[in-house]
Amino acid sequence: MDIEYISGDHPVLAPVISLLRARGITGLTPPQEEAIKKGVLEGKNLVLCSGTGSGKTLIAELAALKTILETKKRVFYLVPLKALAYEKYSDFRKLYSGLNIKTIISTGDYDSDIRTIEKSDIIVATYEKLDSI
């Protein structure tokens, strides 16, 4: 399935689709396509279990960005390890700052106070840090 399919049903994601094309992403993998068809972008809950490199993160990004762009609500992107949190924070910050989406990191090493969190769109955190927030 071509990535443009998404912006047809979800026009708010059109700028995101442009960014994805610039990253060289032009199509969806079978697990991504299935998640879209099952309604992840309509707010339906689902468990996406597939192999490494199959595109789980992109589905999470699309759902998060749709929420941010449509509702102006913030989202948490949770990871099990601090190193992975920093990697995702760096990626998201670089990728989405052009859309005026503010990404922060909050782990044991990188603390963010509640005022910073409240002014952010994407909060990348470990499970333990979310518990303390």
C-alpha atoms as a PDB file:
ATOM      1  CA  MET A   1       0.000   0.000   0.000  1.00  0.00           C
ATOM      2  CA  ASP A   2       1.322   3.436  -0.928  1.00  0.00           C
ATOM      3  CA  ILE A   3       1.934   5.812   1.981  1.00  0.00           C
ATOM      4  CA  GLU A   4      -0.312   8.419   0.295  1.00  0.00           C
ATOM      5  CA  TYR A   5      -3.301   6.213   1.138  1.00  0.00           C
ATOM      6  CA  ILE A   6      -3.059   7.468   4.717  1.00  0.00           C
ATOM      7  CA  SER A   7      -3.403  11.161   3.909  1.00  0.00           C
ATOM      8  CA  GLY A   8      -6.530  10.473   1.815  1.00  0.00           C
ATOM      9  CA  ASP A   9      -8.446   9.333   4.888  1.00  0.00           C
ATOM     10  CA  HIS A  10      -6.507  11.486   7.357  1.00  0.00           C
ATOM     11  CA  PRO A  11      -5.651  14.852   5.748  1.00  0.00           C
ATOM     12  CA  VAL A  12      -4.166  16.164   8.993  1.00  0.00           C
ATOM     13  CA  LEU A  13      -1.280  13.730   8.355  1.00  0.00           C
ATOM     14  CA  ALA A  14      -0.419  15.187   4.910  1.00  0.00           C
ATOM     15  CA  PRO A  15       2.649  17.092   6.222  1.00  0.00           C
ATOM     16  CA  VAL A  16       3.796  13.930   8.002  1.00  0.00           C
ATOM     17  CA  ILE A  17       3.461  11.925   4.787  1.00  0.00           C
ATOM     18  CA  SER A  18       5.670  14.505   3.039  1.00  0.00           C
ATOM     19  CA  LEU A  19       8.313  14.042   5.729  1.00  0.00           C
ATOM     20  CA  LEU A  20       8.099  10.265   5.373  1.00  0.00           C
ATOM     21  CA  ARG A  21       8.562  10.511   1.610  1.00  0.00           C
ATOM     22  CA  ALA A  22      11.636  12.689   2.208  1.00  0.00           C
ATOM     23  CA  ARG A  23      12.943   9.880   4.448  1.00  0.00           C
ATOM     24  CA  GLY A  24      12.459   7.457   1.553  1.00  0.00           C
ATOM     25  CA  ILE A  25       9.338   5.791   2.928  1.00  0.00           C
ATOM     26  CA  THR A  26       6.872   5.356   0.077  1.00  0.00           C
ATOM     27  CA  GLY A  27       4.934   2.251   1.045  1.00  0.00           C
ATOM     28  CA  LEU A  28       3.640   0.387   4.049  1.00  0.00           C
ATOM     29  CA  THR A  29       4.785  -3.031   5.188  1.00  0.00           C
ATOM     30  CA  PRO A  30       2.101  -5.733   5.606  1.00  0.00           C
ATOM     31  CA  PRO A  31       1.900  -5.263   9.426  1.00  0.00           C
ATOM     32  CA  GLN A  32       1.584  -1.481   8.971  1.00  0.00           C
ATOM     33  CA  GLU A  33      -1.105  -1.889   6.349  1.00  0.00           C
ATOM     34  CA  GLU A  34      -3.023  -4.278   8.594  1.00  0.00           C
ATOM     35  CA  ALA A  35      -2.823  -1.858  11.549  1.00  0.00           C
ATOM     36  CA  ILE A  36      -4.170   0.976   9.382  1.00  0.00           C
ATOM     37  CA  LYS A  37      -7.003  -1.224   8.081  1.00  0.00           C
ATOM     38  CA  LYS A  38      -7.858  -2.326  11.641  1.00  0.00           C
ATOM     39  CA  GLY A  39      -8.381   1.318  12.647  1.00  0.00           C
ATOM     40  CA  VAL A  40      -5.322   2.399  14.614  1.00  0.00           C
ATOM     41  CA  LEU A  41      -5.643   5.909  13.155  1.00  0.00           C
ATOM     42  CA  GLU A  42      -9.305   6.045  14.151  1.00  0.00           C
ATOM     43  CA  GLY A  43      -8.360   5.496  17.773  1.00  0.00           C
ATOM     44  CA  LYS A  44      -9.025   1.774  17.898  1.00  0.00           C
ATOM     45  CA  ASN A  45      -6.899  -0.171  20.354  1.00  0.00           C
ATOM     46  CA  LEU A  46      -4.775  -2.971  19.025  1.00  0.00           C
ATOM     47  CA  VAL A  47      -1.716  -4.997  19.838  1.00  0.00           C
ATOM     48  CA  LEU A  48       0.846  -4.989  17.050  1.00  0.00           C
ATOM     49  CA  CYS A  49       3.235  -7.863  17.412  1.00  0.00           C
ATOM     50  CA  SER A  50       5.671  -8.339  14.557  1.00  0.00           C
ATOM     51  CA  GLY A  51       9.343  -8.868  13.953  1.00  0.00           C
ATOM     52  CA  THR A  52      12.192  -6.426  14.288  1.00  0.00           C
ATOM     53  CA  GLY A  53      12.292  -3.961  11.418  1.00  0.00           C
ATOM     54  CA  SER A  54       8.688  -4.543  10.376  1.00  0.00           C
ATOM     55  CA  GLY A  55       7.550  -0.983  11.108  1.00  0.00           C
ATOM     56  CA  LYS A  56       5.961  -0.967  14.552  1.00  0.00           C
ATOM     57  CA  THR A  57       7.518   2.386  15.434  1.00  0.00           C
ATOM     58  CA  LEU A  58       6.100   4.073  12.345  1.00  0.00           C
ATOM     59  CA  ILE A  59       2.580   2.996  13.290  1.00  0.00           C
ATOM     60  CA  ALA A  60       3.103   4.428  16.787  1.00  0.00           C
ATOM     61  CA  GLU A  61       4.466   7.660  15.278  1.00  0.00           C
ATOM     62  CA  LEU A  62       1.499   8.047  12.933  1.00  0.00           C
ATOM     63  CA  ALA A  63      -1.021   7.466  15.716  1.00  0.00           C
ATOM     64  CA  ALA A  64       0.820   9.874  18.018  1.00  0.00           C
ATOM     65  CA  LEU A  65       1.196  12.589  15.388  1.00  0.00           C
ATOM     66  CA  LYS A  66      -2.450  12.349  14.388  1.00  0.00           C
ATOM     67  CA  THR A  67      -3.423  12.813  18.038  1.00  0.00           C
ATOM     68  CA  ILE A  68      -1.095  15.800  18.423  1.00  0.00           C
ATOM     69  CA  LEU A  69      -2.107  17.514  15.178  1.00  0.00           C
ATOM     70  CA  GLU A  70      -5.863  16.945  15.575  1.00  0.00           C
ATOM     71  CA  THR A  71      -6.420  17.374  19.278  1.00  0.00           C
ATOM     72  CA  LYS A  72      -3.348  19.302  20.490  1.00  0.00           C
ATOM     73  CA  LYS A  73      -2.955  16.670  23.217  1.00  0.00           C
ATOM     74  CA  ARG A  74       0.446  15.389  24.272  1.00  0.00           C
ATOM     75  CA  VAL A  75       1.569  11.793  23.918  1.00  0.00           C
ATOM     76  CA  PHE A  76       4.026   9.576  25.749  1.00  0.00           C
ATOM     77  CA  TYR A  77       6.327   7.280  23.807  1.00  0.00           C
ATOM     78  CA  LEU A  78       7.475   4.659  26.283  1.00  0.00           C
ATOM     79  CA  VAL A  79      10.555   2.486  25.993  1.00  0.00           C
ATOM     80  CA  PRO A  80      12.186  -0.019  28.369  1.00  0.00           C
ATOM     81  CA  LEU A  81      15.754   1.357  28.240  1.00  0.00           C
ATOM     82  CA  LYS A  82      17.331   4.787  28.745  1.00  0.00           C
ATOM     83  CA  ALA A  83      19.568   4.313  25.703  1.00  0.00           C
ATOM     84  CA  LEU A  84      16.548   3.622  23.519  1.00  0.00           C
ATOM     85  CA  ALA A  85      14.765   6.633  25.014  1.00  0.00           C
ATOM     86  CA  TYR A  86      17.637   8.907  24.004  1.00  0.00           C
ATOM     87  CA  GLU A  87      17.736   7.407  20.501  1.00  0.00           C
ATOM     88  CA  LYS A  88      13.997   7.953  19.947  1.00  0.00           C
ATOM     89  CA  TYR A  89      14.141  11.428  21.496  1.00  0.00           C
ATOM     90  CA  SER A  90      16.924  12.404  19.068  1.00  0.00           C
ATOM     91  CA  ASP A  91      15.057  10.936  16.096  1.00  0.00           C
ATOM     92  CA  PHE A  92      11.695  12.517  16.906  1.00  0.00           C
ATOM     93  CA  ARG A  93      13.217  15.892  17.747  1.00  0.00           C
ATOM     94  CA  LYS A  94      15.052  16.004  14.442  1.00  0.00           C
ATOM     95  CA  LEU A  95      12.183  14.642  12.359  1.00  0.00           C
ATOM     96  CA  TYR A  96       9.229  16.577  13.731  1.00  0.00           C
ATOM     97  CA  SER A  97      10.550  19.950  14.881  1.00  0.00           C
ATOM     98  CA  GLY A  98       9.668  21.300  11.413  1.00  0.00           C
ATOM     99  CA  LEU A  99       6.024  20.608  12.236  1.00  0.00           C
ATOM    100  CA  ASN A 100       6.345  22.670  15.441  1.00  0.00           C
ATOM    101  CA  ILE A 101       6.141  19.510  17.507  1.00  0.00           C
ATOM    102  CA  LYS A 102       8.181  19.736  20.680  1.00  0.00           C
ATOM    103  CA  THR A 103       9.806  16.516  21.876  1.00  0.00           C
ATOM    104  CA  ILE A 104      11.414  16.049  25.281  1.00  0.00           C
ATOM    105  CA  ILE A 105      13.009  13.157  27.119  1.00  0.00           C
ATOM    106  CA  SER A 106      12.304  12.187  30.684  1.00  0.00           C
ATOM    107  CA  THR A 107      14.294   9.344  32.228  1.00  0.00           C
ATOM    108  CA  GLY A 108      16.266   9.032  35.438  1.00  0.00           C
ATOM    109  CA  ASP A 109      19.242  10.734  33.758  1.00  0.00           C
ATOM    110  CA  TYR A 110      17.283  13.329  31.800  1.00  0.00           C
ATOM    111  CA  ASP A 111      14.713  14.806  34.123  1.00  0.00           C
ATOM    112  CA  SER A 112      12.060  17.196  32.966  1.00  0.00           C
ATOM    113  CA  ASP A 113       9.933  19.105  35.407  1.00  0.00           C
ATOM    114  CA  ILE A 114       6.175  19.078  35.084  1.00  0.00           C
ATOM    115  CA  ARG A 115       6.084  22.554  33.470  1.00  0.00           C
ATOM    116  CA  THR A 116       8.342  21.354  30.658  1.00  0.00           C
ATOM    117  CA  ILE A 117       6.245  18.240  30.189  1.00  0.00           C
ATOM    118  CA  GLU A 118       3.061  20.309  30.021  1.00  0.00           C
ATOM    119  CA  LYS A 119       4.544  22.425  27.189  1.00  0.00           C
ATOM    120  CA  SER A 120       5.650  19.398  25.148  1.00  0.00           C
ATOM    121  CA  ASP A 121       3.932  17.346  22.486  1.00  0.00           C
ATOM    122  CA  ILE A 122       5.925  14.103  22.632  1.00  0.00           C
ATOM    123  CA  ILE A 123       7.428  12.900  25.900  1.00  0.00           C
ATOM    124  CA  VAL A 124       9.861  10.027  25.431  1.00  0.00           C
ATOM    125  CA  ALA A 125      10.219   8.211  28.746  1.00  0.00           C
ATOM    126  CA  THR A 126      11.031   4.905  30.334  1.00  0.00           C
ATOM    127  CA  TYR A 127       8.266   2.935  32.032  1.00  0.00           C
ATOM    128  CA  GLU A 128       9.739   3.667  35.465  1.00  0.00           C
ATOM    129  CA  LYS A 129       9.881   7.402  34.818  1.00  0.00           C
ATOM    130  CA  LEU A 130       6.250   7.512  33.719  1.00  0.00           C
ATOM    131  CA  ASP A 131       5.369   5.812  36.988  1.00  0.00           C
ATOM    132  CA  SER A 132       7.053   8.624  38.938  1.00  0.00           C
ATOM    133  CA  ILE A 133       5.548  11.369  36.786  1.00  0.00           C
END
